[in-house]
């Protein structure tokens, strides 16, 4: 049975969506079934249908977009049902001091409360891929790296 990953994102300018597409391509290239969803069209109760969950958000005032926060808030009804699933997050911002890391951490905090398994990265973007202003070669490489490491962890957990 194929591993299933939900890749959920919110994107206003397009950068976060571009990052999601890079991650999705890499996951699919490794044989993973990817459900790619704009957060506005995703039902939080569907999170239980996946082995892994990756969430991407632009940075607003050092945290995730309200649309992503709404998804995380709605997921409280699933408390205990996401335990052991693999999670990851990524973010984009307008400038280098825009709060990317705090945005990624805010998503990871919710995942940890759910009992999900998250993995840092000793190289590149430690908490999850970040893009500053646009998707450049550095952030694209980190998106690909996230997907590769995510699949390896998912295989270990499954």
C-alpha atoms as a PDB file:
ATOM      1  CA  UNK A   1       0.000   0.000   0.000  1.00  0.00           C
ATOM      2  CA  UNK A   2       1.394   3.387  -1.002  1.00  0.00           C
ATOM      3  CA  UNK A   3       2.302   5.943   1.625  1.00  0.00           C
ATOM      4  CA  UNK A   4      -0.100   8.885   1.598  1.00  0.00           C
ATOM      5  CA  UNK A   5       0.937  12.421   2.449  1.00  0.00           C
ATOM      6  CA  UNK A   6      -1.280  15.476   2.799  1.00  0.00           C
ATOM      7  CA  UNK A   7       0.513  18.585   1.566  1.00  0.00           C
ATOM      8  CA  UNK A   8      -1.552  21.539   2.752  1.00  0.00           C
ATOM      9  CA  UNK A   9      -0.656  25.151   2.096  1.00  0.00           C
ATOM     10  CA  UNK A  10      -1.918  28.712   2.043  1.00  0.00           C
ATOM     11  CA  UNK A  11      -0.432  31.100  -0.486  1.00  0.00           C
ATOM     12  CA  UNK A  12      -1.316  34.676  -1.264  1.00  0.00           C
ATOM     13  CA  UNK A  13       1.626  35.764  -3.441  1.00  0.00           C
ATOM     14  CA  UNK A  14       2.358  32.315  -4.888  1.00  0.00           C
ATOM     15  CA  UNK A  15       5.699  31.556  -3.226  1.00  0.00           C
ATOM     16  CA  UNK A  16       4.331  29.109  -0.655  1.00  0.00           C
ATOM     17  CA  UNK A  17       2.398  27.314  -3.386  1.00  0.00           C
ATOM     18  CA  UNK A  18       5.558  27.080  -5.513  1.00  0.00           C
ATOM     19  CA  UNK A  19       7.339  25.498  -2.551  1.00  0.00           C
ATOM     20  CA  UNK A  20       4.463  23.026  -2.152  1.00  0.00           C
ATOM     21  CA  UNK A  21       4.769  22.009  -5.818  1.00  0.00           C
ATOM     22  CA  UNK A  22       8.516  21.348  -5.458  1.00  0.00           C
ATOM     23  CA  UNK A  23       7.922  19.199  -2.371  1.00  0.00           C
ATOM     24  CA  UNK A  24       5.021  17.356  -4.036  1.00  0.00           C
ATOM     25  CA  UNK A  25       7.098  16.532  -7.141  1.00  0.00           C
ATOM     26  CA  UNK A  26       9.879  15.116  -4.988  1.00  0.00           C
ATOM     27  CA  UNK A  27       7.473  13.056  -2.884  1.00  0.00           C
ATOM     28  CA  UNK A  28       5.746  11.660  -5.975  1.00  0.00           C
ATOM     29  CA  UNK A  29       9.123  10.850  -7.512  1.00  0.00           C
ATOM     30  CA  UNK A  30       9.783   8.645  -4.505  1.00  0.00           C
ATOM     31  CA  UNK A  31       6.516   6.728  -4.922  1.00  0.00           C
ATOM     32  CA  UNK A  32       4.456   8.626  -2.364  1.00  0.00           C
ATOM     33  CA  UNK A  33       0.792   9.373  -3.026  1.00  0.00           C
ATOM     34  CA  UNK A  34       0.361  13.120  -2.455  1.00  0.00           C
ATOM     35  CA  UNK A  35      -2.884  14.896  -1.699  1.00  0.00           C
ATOM     36  CA  UNK A  36      -1.999  18.522  -2.415  1.00  0.00           C
ATOM     37  CA  UNK A  37      -4.560  20.918  -0.958  1.00  0.00           C
ATOM     38  CA  UNK A  38      -5.053  24.641  -0.683  1.00  0.00           C
ATOM     39  CA  UNK A  39      -6.049  24.991   2.977  1.00  0.00           C
ATOM     40  CA  UNK A  40      -9.270  26.788   2.079  1.00  0.00           C
ATOM     41  CA  UNK A  41     -10.522  23.625   0.353  1.00  0.00           C
ATOM     42  CA  UNK A  42      -9.341  21.114   2.959  1.00  0.00           C
ATOM     43  CA  UNK A  43     -11.403  19.544   5.733  1.00  0.00           C
ATOM     44  CA  UNK A  44      -9.341  19.070   8.895  1.00  0.00           C
ATOM     45  CA  UNK A  45     -11.093  15.763   9.625  1.00  0.00           C
ATOM     46  CA  UNK A  46      -9.377  14.351   6.507  1.00  0.00           C
ATOM     47  CA  UNK A  47      -5.991  14.559   8.250  1.00  0.00           C
ATOM     48  CA  UNK A  48      -6.553  11.066   9.640  1.00  0.00           C
ATOM     49  CA  UNK A  49      -6.562   9.665   6.079  1.00  0.00           C
ATOM     50  CA  UNK A  50      -2.828  10.297   5.654  1.00  0.00           C
ATOM     51  CA  UNK A  51       0.400   8.740   6.931  1.00  0.00           C
ATOM     52  CA  UNK A  52       2.188  12.084   6.863  1.00  0.00           C
ATOM     53  CA  UNK A  53       1.227  15.751   6.908  1.00  0.00           C
ATOM     54  CA  UNK A  54       3.240  18.678   5.549  1.00  0.00           C
ATOM     55  CA  UNK A  55       1.928  22.215   6.048  1.00  0.00           C
ATOM     56  CA  UNK A  56       3.183  25.392   4.390  1.00  0.00           C
ATOM     57  CA  UNK A  57       2.344  28.975   5.262  1.00  0.00           C
ATOM     58  CA  UNK A  58       3.433  32.488   4.485  1.00  0.00           C
ATOM     59  CA  UNK A  59       4.610  34.440   7.516  1.00  0.00           C
ATOM     60  CA  UNK A  60       2.347  37.084   9.006  1.00  0.00           C
ATOM     61  CA  UNK A  61       3.600  38.877  12.109  1.00  0.00           C
ATOM     62  CA  UNK A  62       5.981  36.033  12.907  1.00  0.00           C
ATOM     63  CA  UNK A  63       3.436  33.241  12.762  1.00  0.00           C
ATOM     64  CA  UNK A  64       1.347  31.281  10.295  1.00  0.00           C
ATOM     65  CA  UNK A  65      -1.469  32.727   8.233  1.00  0.00           C
ATOM     66  CA  UNK A  66      -4.910  32.793   9.843  1.00  0.00           C
ATOM     67  CA  UNK A  67      -6.115  30.180   7.358  1.00  0.00           C
ATOM     68  CA  UNK A  68      -3.464  27.706   8.552  1.00  0.00           C
ATOM     69  CA  UNK A  69      -4.140  28.559  12.200  1.00  0.00           C
ATOM     70  CA  UNK A  70      -7.831  27.865  11.587  1.00  0.00           C
ATOM     71  CA  UNK A  71      -6.963  24.387  10.255  1.00  0.00           C
ATOM     72  CA  UNK A  72      -4.783  23.715  13.294  1.00  0.00           C
ATOM     73  CA  UNK A  73      -7.501  24.977  15.652  1.00  0.00           C
ATOM     74  CA  UNK A  74     -10.123  22.791  13.963  1.00  0.00           C
ATOM     75  CA  UNK A  75      -7.841  19.770  14.295  1.00  0.00           C
ATOM     76  CA  UNK A  76      -8.382  19.765  18.068  1.00  0.00           C
ATOM     77  CA  UNK A  77     -11.307  17.354  17.508  1.00  0.00           C
ATOM     78  CA  UNK A  78      -8.705  14.859  16.237  1.00  0.00           C
ATOM     79  CA  UNK A  79      -6.665  14.982  19.439  1.00  0.00           C
ATOM     80  CA  UNK A  80      -4.925  11.616  19.803  1.00  0.00           C
ATOM     81  CA  UNK A  81      -5.869  10.473  16.289  1.00  0.00           C
ATOM     82  CA  UNK A  82      -2.755  11.931  14.624  1.00  0.00           C
ATOM     83  CA  UNK A  83      -0.419  10.334  17.143  1.00  0.00           C
ATOM     84  CA  UNK A  84       2.561   8.723  15.384  1.00  0.00           C
ATOM     85  CA  UNK A  85       1.979  10.368  12.006  1.00  0.00           C
ATOM     86  CA  UNK A  86       4.973  12.110  10.443  1.00  0.00           C
ATOM     87  CA  UNK A  87       4.812  15.893  10.133  1.00  0.00           C
ATOM     88  CA  UNK A  88       6.773  18.773   8.638  1.00  0.00           C
ATOM     89  CA  UNK A  89       6.326  22.446   7.863  1.00  0.00           C
ATOM     90  CA  UNK A  90       7.685  25.136   5.556  1.00  0.00           C
ATOM     91  CA  UNK A  91       7.248  28.894   5.251  1.00  0.00           C
ATOM     92  CA  UNK A  92       7.849  31.974   3.167  1.00  0.00           C
ATOM     93  CA  UNK A  93       8.221  35.639   4.054  1.00  0.00           C
ATOM     94  CA  UNK A  94       8.824  38.983   2.414  1.00  0.00           C
ATOM     95  CA  UNK A  95      12.252  39.548   3.937  1.00  0.00           C
ATOM     96  CA  UNK A  96      15.094  37.818   5.745  1.00  0.00           C
ATOM     97  CA  UNK A  97      13.962  38.878   9.225  1.00  0.00           C
ATOM     98  CA  UNK A  98      10.338  38.125   8.418  1.00  0.00           C
ATOM     99  CA  UNK A  99       9.753  35.377  10.970  1.00  0.00           C
ATOM    100  CA  UNK A 100      10.041  32.253   8.833  1.00  0.00           C
ATOM    101  CA  UNK A 101      11.487  30.125  11.622  1.00  0.00           C
ATOM    102  CA  UNK A 102       8.827  31.151  14.135  1.00  0.00           C
ATOM    103  CA  UNK A 103       6.162  30.373  11.556  1.00  0.00           C
ATOM    104  CA  UNK A 104       7.531  26.883  10.944  1.00  0.00           C
ATOM    105  CA  UNK A 105       7.862  26.318  14.690  1.00  0.00           C
ATOM    106  CA  UNK A 106       4.258  27.397  15.329  1.00  0.00           C
ATOM    107  CA  UNK A 107       3.029  24.675  12.956  1.00  0.00           C
ATOM    108  CA  UNK A 108       5.436  22.094  14.393  1.00  0.00           C
ATOM    109  CA  UNK A 109       4.255  22.921  17.925  1.00  0.00           C
ATOM    110  CA  UNK A 110       0.695  21.946  16.982  1.00  0.00           C
ATOM    111  CA  UNK A 111       1.973  18.756  15.352  1.00  0.00           C
ATOM    112  CA  UNK A 112       3.921  17.838  18.480  1.00  0.00           C
ATOM    113  CA  UNK A 113       0.834  18.378  20.642  1.00  0.00           C
ATOM    114  CA  UNK A 114      -0.951  15.896  18.362  1.00  0.00           C
ATOM    115  CA  UNK A 115       1.831  13.378  19.072  1.00  0.00           C
ATOM    116  CA  UNK A 116       3.199  13.601  15.563  1.00  0.00           C
ATOM    117  CA  UNK A 117       6.809  12.805  14.709  1.00  0.00           C
ATOM    118  CA  UNK A 118       8.856  15.697  13.308  1.00  0.00           C
ATOM    119  CA  UNK A 119      12.494  15.732  12.271  1.00  0.00           C
ATOM    120  CA  UNK A 120      14.950  18.599  12.284  1.00  0.00           C
ATOM    121  CA  UNK A 121      17.704  18.944   9.723  1.00  0.00           C
ATOM    122  CA  UNK A 122      21.340  19.422  10.767  1.00  0.00           C
ATOM    123  CA  UNK A 123      22.040  21.043   7.381  1.00  0.00           C
ATOM    124  CA  UNK A 124      20.180  23.734   5.453  1.00  0.00           C
ATOM    125  CA  UNK A 125      17.008  25.080   7.028  1.00  0.00           C
ATOM    126  CA  UNK A 126      16.968  23.329  10.402  1.00  0.00           C
ATOM    127  CA  UNK A 127      13.236  23.489  11.206  1.00  0.00           C
ATOM    128  CA  UNK A 128      11.854  23.312   7.673  1.00  0.00           C
ATOM    129  CA  UNK A 129      12.405  24.987   4.305  1.00  0.00           C
ATOM    130  CA  UNK A 130      11.982  28.746   4.136  1.00  0.00           C
ATOM    131  CA  UNK A 131      11.861  31.110   1.195  1.00  0.00           C
ATOM    132  CA  UNK A 132      12.625  34.802   1.404  1.00  0.00           C
ATOM    133  CA  UNK A 133      10.709  36.870  -1.138  1.00  0.00           C
ATOM    134  CA  UNK A 134      10.902  34.257  -3.924  1.00  0.00           C
ATOM    135  CA  UNK A 135      11.669  30.591  -4.435  1.00  0.00           C
ATOM    136  CA  UNK A 136      15.393  30.693  -5.179  1.00  0.00           C
ATOM    137  CA  UNK A 137      17.862  27.830  -5.728  1.00  0.00           C
ATOM    138  CA  UNK A 138      18.671  27.611  -2.008  1.00  0.00           C
ATOM    139  CA  UNK A 139      15.058  27.321  -0.857  1.00  0.00           C
ATOM    140  CA  UNK A 140      14.189  24.982  -3.721  1.00  0.00           C
ATOM    141  CA  UNK A 141      17.049  22.700  -2.713  1.00  0.00           C
ATOM    142  CA  UNK A 142      15.835  22.704   0.881  1.00  0.00           C
ATOM    143  CA  UNK A 143      12.302  21.816  -0.274  1.00  0.00           C
ATOM    144  CA  UNK A 144      13.695  18.839  -2.193  1.00  0.00           C
ATOM    145  CA  UNK A 145      15.790  17.849   0.812  1.00  0.00           C
ATOM    146  CA  UNK A 146      12.752  18.002   3.088  1.00  0.00           C
ATOM    147  CA  UNK A 147      10.832  15.669   0.775  1.00  0.00           C
ATOM    148  CA  UNK A 148      13.720  13.203   0.600  1.00  0.00           C
ATOM    149  CA  UNK A 149      14.206  13.130   4.374  1.00  0.00           C
ATOM    150  CA  UNK A 150      10.439  13.014   4.993  1.00  0.00           C
ATOM    151  CA  UNK A 151      10.072   9.869   2.875  1.00  0.00           C
ATOM    152  CA  UNK A 152      12.999   8.173   4.653  1.00  0.00           C
ATOM    153  CA  UNK A 153      11.442   8.923   8.045  1.00  0.00           C
ATOM    154  CA  UNK A 154       7.987   7.851   6.886  1.00  0.00           C
ATOM    155  CA  UNK A 155       9.384   4.493   5.747  1.00  0.00           C
ATOM    156  CA  UNK A 156      11.035   3.981   9.133  1.00  0.00           C
ATOM    157  CA  UNK A 157       7.837   4.818  11.009  1.00  0.00           C
ATOM    158  CA  UNK A 158       5.499   2.768   8.821  1.00  0.00           C
END
